[in-house]
């Protein structure tokens, strides 16, 4: 299974990758730090799970969300943000996000949800 982490902060992205590598070491992890890279990687590699930050240096995560949902058969997109407004949540879910997280309050829950998704039989049949 392929997972992609889209986060422009190198420190945060690396920490998430490290935590996921410990939790689910047998799965492929892709990294993107920009809208352009995220869309390109998703189009080529077709990850089953995408963890997507809404605020990226070169644009907004909503651009990535819409592009991935229209071009790929991603099973789950988990959106995270430092600005978890109801408007952002509603928009993310409207565009096809499966989950919406407050990046600070829900940090540990993000890893737990991804680990749980990977463990589901319907997700592992996609290998």
C-alpha atoms as a PDB file:
ATOM      1  CA  UNK A   1       0.000   0.000   0.000  1.00  0.00           C
ATOM      2  CA  UNK A   2       1.168   3.528  -0.782  1.00  0.00           C
ATOM      3  CA  UNK A   3       0.703   6.485   1.530  1.00  0.00           C
ATOM      4  CA  UNK A   4       1.594  10.082   0.718  1.00  0.00           C
ATOM      5  CA  UNK A   5       2.326  12.859   3.206  1.00  0.00           C
ATOM      6  CA  UNK A   6       1.877  16.395   1.851  1.00  0.00           C
ATOM      7  CA  UNK A   7       3.393  18.914   4.266  1.00  0.00           C
ATOM      8  CA  UNK A   8       5.588  21.926   3.470  1.00  0.00           C
ATOM      9  CA  UNK A   9       7.361  22.014   6.841  1.00  0.00           C
ATOM     10  CA  UNK A  10      10.360  19.669   6.581  1.00  0.00           C
ATOM     11  CA  UNK A  11      10.408  19.085  10.357  1.00  0.00           C
ATOM     12  CA  UNK A  12       6.711  18.231  10.624  1.00  0.00           C
ATOM     13  CA  UNK A  13       6.803  16.107   7.461  1.00  0.00           C
ATOM     14  CA  UNK A  14       9.831  14.155   8.690  1.00  0.00           C
ATOM     15  CA  UNK A  15       8.268  13.574  12.107  1.00  0.00           C
ATOM     16  CA  UNK A  16       5.077  12.219  10.517  1.00  0.00           C
ATOM     17  CA  UNK A  17       7.103   9.989   8.171  1.00  0.00           C
ATOM     18  CA  UNK A  18       9.115   8.660  11.134  1.00  0.00           C
ATOM     19  CA  UNK A  19       5.967   7.910  13.154  1.00  0.00           C
ATOM     20  CA  UNK A  20       4.302   6.190  10.197  1.00  0.00           C
ATOM     21  CA  UNK A  21       7.464   4.205   9.424  1.00  0.00           C
ATOM     22  CA  UNK A  22       7.428   2.850  12.976  1.00  0.00           C
ATOM     23  CA  UNK A  23       3.681   2.102  12.923  1.00  0.00           C
ATOM     24  CA  UNK A  24       3.429   0.625   9.430  1.00  0.00           C
ATOM     25  CA  UNK A  25       6.967  -0.184   8.224  1.00  0.00           C
ATOM     26  CA  UNK A  26       5.927  -2.517   5.393  1.00  0.00           C
ATOM     27  CA  UNK A  27       4.174   0.215   3.393  1.00  0.00           C
ATOM     28  CA  UNK A  28       5.544   2.666   0.852  1.00  0.00           C
ATOM     29  CA  UNK A  29       5.633   6.303   1.991  1.00  0.00           C
ATOM     30  CA  UNK A  30       5.735   9.170  -0.491  1.00  0.00           C
ATOM     31  CA  UNK A  31       6.548  12.761   0.482  1.00  0.00           C
ATOM     32  CA  UNK A  32       5.526  16.058  -1.090  1.00  0.00           C
ATOM     33  CA  UNK A  33       6.163  19.605   0.059  1.00  0.00           C
ATOM     34  CA  UNK A  34       4.127  21.525  -2.515  1.00  0.00           C
ATOM     35  CA  UNK A  35       0.909  21.532  -4.521  1.00  0.00           C
ATOM     36  CA  UNK A  36       2.771  20.754  -7.744  1.00  0.00           C
ATOM     37  CA  UNK A  37       4.792  17.863  -6.296  1.00  0.00           C
ATOM     38  CA  UNK A  38       1.772  16.369  -4.534  1.00  0.00           C
ATOM     39  CA  UNK A  39      -0.345  16.320  -7.676  1.00  0.00           C
ATOM     40  CA  UNK A  40       2.507  14.911  -9.768  1.00  0.00           C
ATOM     41  CA  UNK A  41       3.321  12.137  -7.267  1.00  0.00           C
ATOM     42  CA  UNK A  42      -0.332  11.194  -6.795  1.00  0.00           C
ATOM     43  CA  UNK A  43      -0.899  11.027 -10.547  1.00  0.00           C
ATOM     44  CA  UNK A  44       2.084   8.717 -11.058  1.00  0.00           C
ATOM     45  CA  UNK A  45       1.976   6.558  -7.906  1.00  0.00           C
ATOM     46  CA  UNK A  46      -1.763   6.454  -7.018  1.00  0.00           C
ATOM     47  CA  UNK A  47      -1.477   6.322  -3.206  1.00  0.00           C
ATOM     48  CA  UNK A  48      -4.370   4.740  -1.328  1.00  0.00           C
ATOM     49  CA  UNK A  49      -4.056   7.176   1.595  1.00  0.00           C
ATOM     50  CA  UNK A  50      -3.020  10.837   1.462  1.00  0.00           C
ATOM     51  CA  UNK A  51      -2.327  12.996   4.523  1.00  0.00           C
ATOM     52  CA  UNK A  52      -2.700  16.565   3.274  1.00  0.00           C
ATOM     53  CA  UNK A  53      -1.860  19.863   4.965  1.00  0.00           C
ATOM     54  CA  UNK A  54      -4.137  22.679   3.806  1.00  0.00           C
ATOM     55  CA  UNK A  55      -1.544  25.468   3.925  1.00  0.00           C
ATOM     56  CA  UNK A  56       1.319  24.899   1.513  1.00  0.00           C
ATOM     57  CA  UNK A  57       3.947  27.398   0.375  1.00  0.00           C
ATOM     58  CA  UNK A  58       2.957  27.358  -3.288  1.00  0.00           C
ATOM     59  CA  UNK A  59      -0.815  27.175  -2.885  1.00  0.00           C
ATOM     60  CA  UNK A  60      -3.686  25.705  -0.975  1.00  0.00           C
ATOM     61  CA  UNK A  61      -4.280  22.074  -0.081  1.00  0.00           C
ATOM     62  CA  UNK A  62      -7.768  22.362  -1.551  1.00  0.00           C
ATOM     63  CA  UNK A  63      -6.103  22.503  -4.990  1.00  0.00           C
ATOM     64  CA  UNK A  64      -4.373  19.204  -4.231  1.00  0.00           C
ATOM     65  CA  UNK A  65      -7.543  17.655  -2.838  1.00  0.00           C
ATOM     66  CA  UNK A  66      -9.613  18.522  -5.907  1.00  0.00           C
ATOM     67  CA  UNK A  67      -6.893  17.426  -8.346  1.00  0.00           C
ATOM     68  CA  UNK A  68      -6.260  14.112  -6.625  1.00  0.00           C
ATOM     69  CA  UNK A  69      -9.957  13.293  -6.346  1.00  0.00           C
ATOM     70  CA  UNK A  70     -10.446  14.015 -10.053  1.00  0.00           C
ATOM     71  CA  UNK A  71      -7.313  12.215 -11.331  1.00  0.00           C
ATOM     72  CA  UNK A  72      -6.754   9.326  -8.924  1.00  0.00           C
ATOM     73  CA  UNK A  73      -8.612   6.581  -7.186  1.00  0.00           C
ATOM     74  CA  UNK A  74      -7.370   7.499  -3.735  1.00  0.00           C
ATOM     75  CA  UNK A  75      -9.268   5.628  -1.075  1.00  0.00           C
ATOM     76  CA  UNK A  76      -8.814   8.130   1.778  1.00  0.00           C
ATOM     77  CA  UNK A  77      -7.604  11.718   2.004  1.00  0.00           C
ATOM     78  CA  UNK A  78      -6.984  13.018   5.512  1.00  0.00           C
ATOM     79  CA  UNK A  79      -6.803  16.805   5.735  1.00  0.00           C
ATOM     80  CA  UNK A  80      -4.927  18.539   8.540  1.00  0.00           C
ATOM     81  CA  UNK A  81      -4.583  22.231   9.304  1.00  0.00           C
ATOM     82  CA  UNK A  82      -3.495  24.722  11.931  1.00  0.00           C
ATOM     83  CA  UNK A  83      -6.710  26.671  11.173  1.00  0.00           C
ATOM     84  CA  UNK A  84      -9.474  24.100  11.756  1.00  0.00           C
ATOM     85  CA  UNK A  85     -12.507  26.296  11.081  1.00  0.00           C
ATOM     86  CA  UNK A  86     -15.938  24.847  10.380  1.00  0.00           C
ATOM     87  CA  UNK A  87     -15.750  26.439   6.927  1.00  0.00           C
ATOM     88  CA  UNK A  88     -12.474  24.621   6.157  1.00  0.00           C
ATOM     89  CA  UNK A  89     -13.893  21.349   7.467  1.00  0.00           C
ATOM     90  CA  UNK A  90     -17.082  21.665   5.433  1.00  0.00           C
ATOM     91  CA  UNK A  91     -15.146  22.537   2.282  1.00  0.00           C
ATOM     92  CA  UNK A  92     -12.644  19.696   2.750  1.00  0.00           C
ATOM     93  CA  UNK A  93     -15.392  17.129   3.236  1.00  0.00           C
ATOM     94  CA  UNK A  94     -17.327  18.579   0.284  1.00  0.00           C
ATOM     95  CA  UNK A  95     -14.251  18.133  -1.944  1.00  0.00           C
ATOM     96  CA  UNK A  96     -13.900  14.497  -0.892  1.00  0.00           C
ATOM     97  CA  UNK A  97     -11.759  14.385   2.248  1.00  0.00           C
ATOM     98  CA  UNK A  98     -12.438  11.386   4.466  1.00  0.00           C
ATOM     99  CA  UNK A  99     -11.176  13.031   7.658  1.00  0.00           C
ATOM    100  CA  UNK A 100     -10.407  16.537   8.901  1.00  0.00           C
ATOM    101  CA  UNK A 101      -7.925  17.175  11.723  1.00  0.00           C
ATOM    102  CA  UNK A 102      -6.652  20.050  13.821  1.00  0.00           C
ATOM    103  CA  UNK A 103      -2.915  19.633  13.270  1.00  0.00           C
ATOM    104  CA  UNK A 104      -2.057  20.479  16.878  1.00  0.00           C
ATOM    105  CA  UNK A 105      -4.911  18.973  18.926  1.00  0.00           C
ATOM    106  CA  UNK A 106      -5.333  15.849  16.799  1.00  0.00           C
ATOM    107  CA  UNK A 107      -1.684  15.125  15.975  1.00  0.00           C
ATOM    108  CA  UNK A 108      -1.556  11.707  17.665  1.00  0.00           C
ATOM    109  CA  UNK A 109      -5.017  10.803  16.382  1.00  0.00           C
ATOM    110  CA  UNK A 110      -3.852  11.330  12.806  1.00  0.00           C
ATOM    111  CA  UNK A 111      -1.290   8.538  13.095  1.00  0.00           C
ATOM    112  CA  UNK A 112      -3.818   6.278  14.861  1.00  0.00           C
ATOM    113  CA  UNK A 113      -6.418   6.791  12.121  1.00  0.00           C
ATOM    114  CA  UNK A 114      -3.900   6.057   9.357  1.00  0.00           C
ATOM    115  CA  UNK A 115      -2.684   2.944  11.164  1.00  0.00           C
ATOM    116  CA  UNK A 116      -6.291   1.833  11.566  1.00  0.00           C
ATOM    117  CA  UNK A 117      -7.057   2.417   7.885  1.00  0.00           C
ATOM    118  CA  UNK A 118      -4.009   0.435   6.804  1.00  0.00           C
ATOM    119  CA  UNK A 119      -5.108  -2.453   9.014  1.00  0.00           C
ATOM    120  CA  UNK A 120      -8.537  -2.725   7.399  1.00  0.00           C
ATOM    121  CA  UNK A 121      -8.987  -5.777   5.143  1.00  0.00           C
ATOM    122  CA  UNK A 122     -10.602  -3.730   2.361  1.00  0.00           C
ATOM    123  CA  UNK A 123      -7.548  -1.435   2.262  1.00  0.00           C
ATOM    124  CA  UNK A 124      -5.013  -4.274   2.141  1.00  0.00           C
ATOM    125  CA  UNK A 125      -6.728  -5.948  -0.797  1.00  0.00           C
ATOM    126  CA  UNK A 126      -5.496  -3.056  -2.959  1.00  0.00           C
ATOM    127  CA  UNK A 127      -1.786  -4.094  -2.818  1.00  0.00           C
END
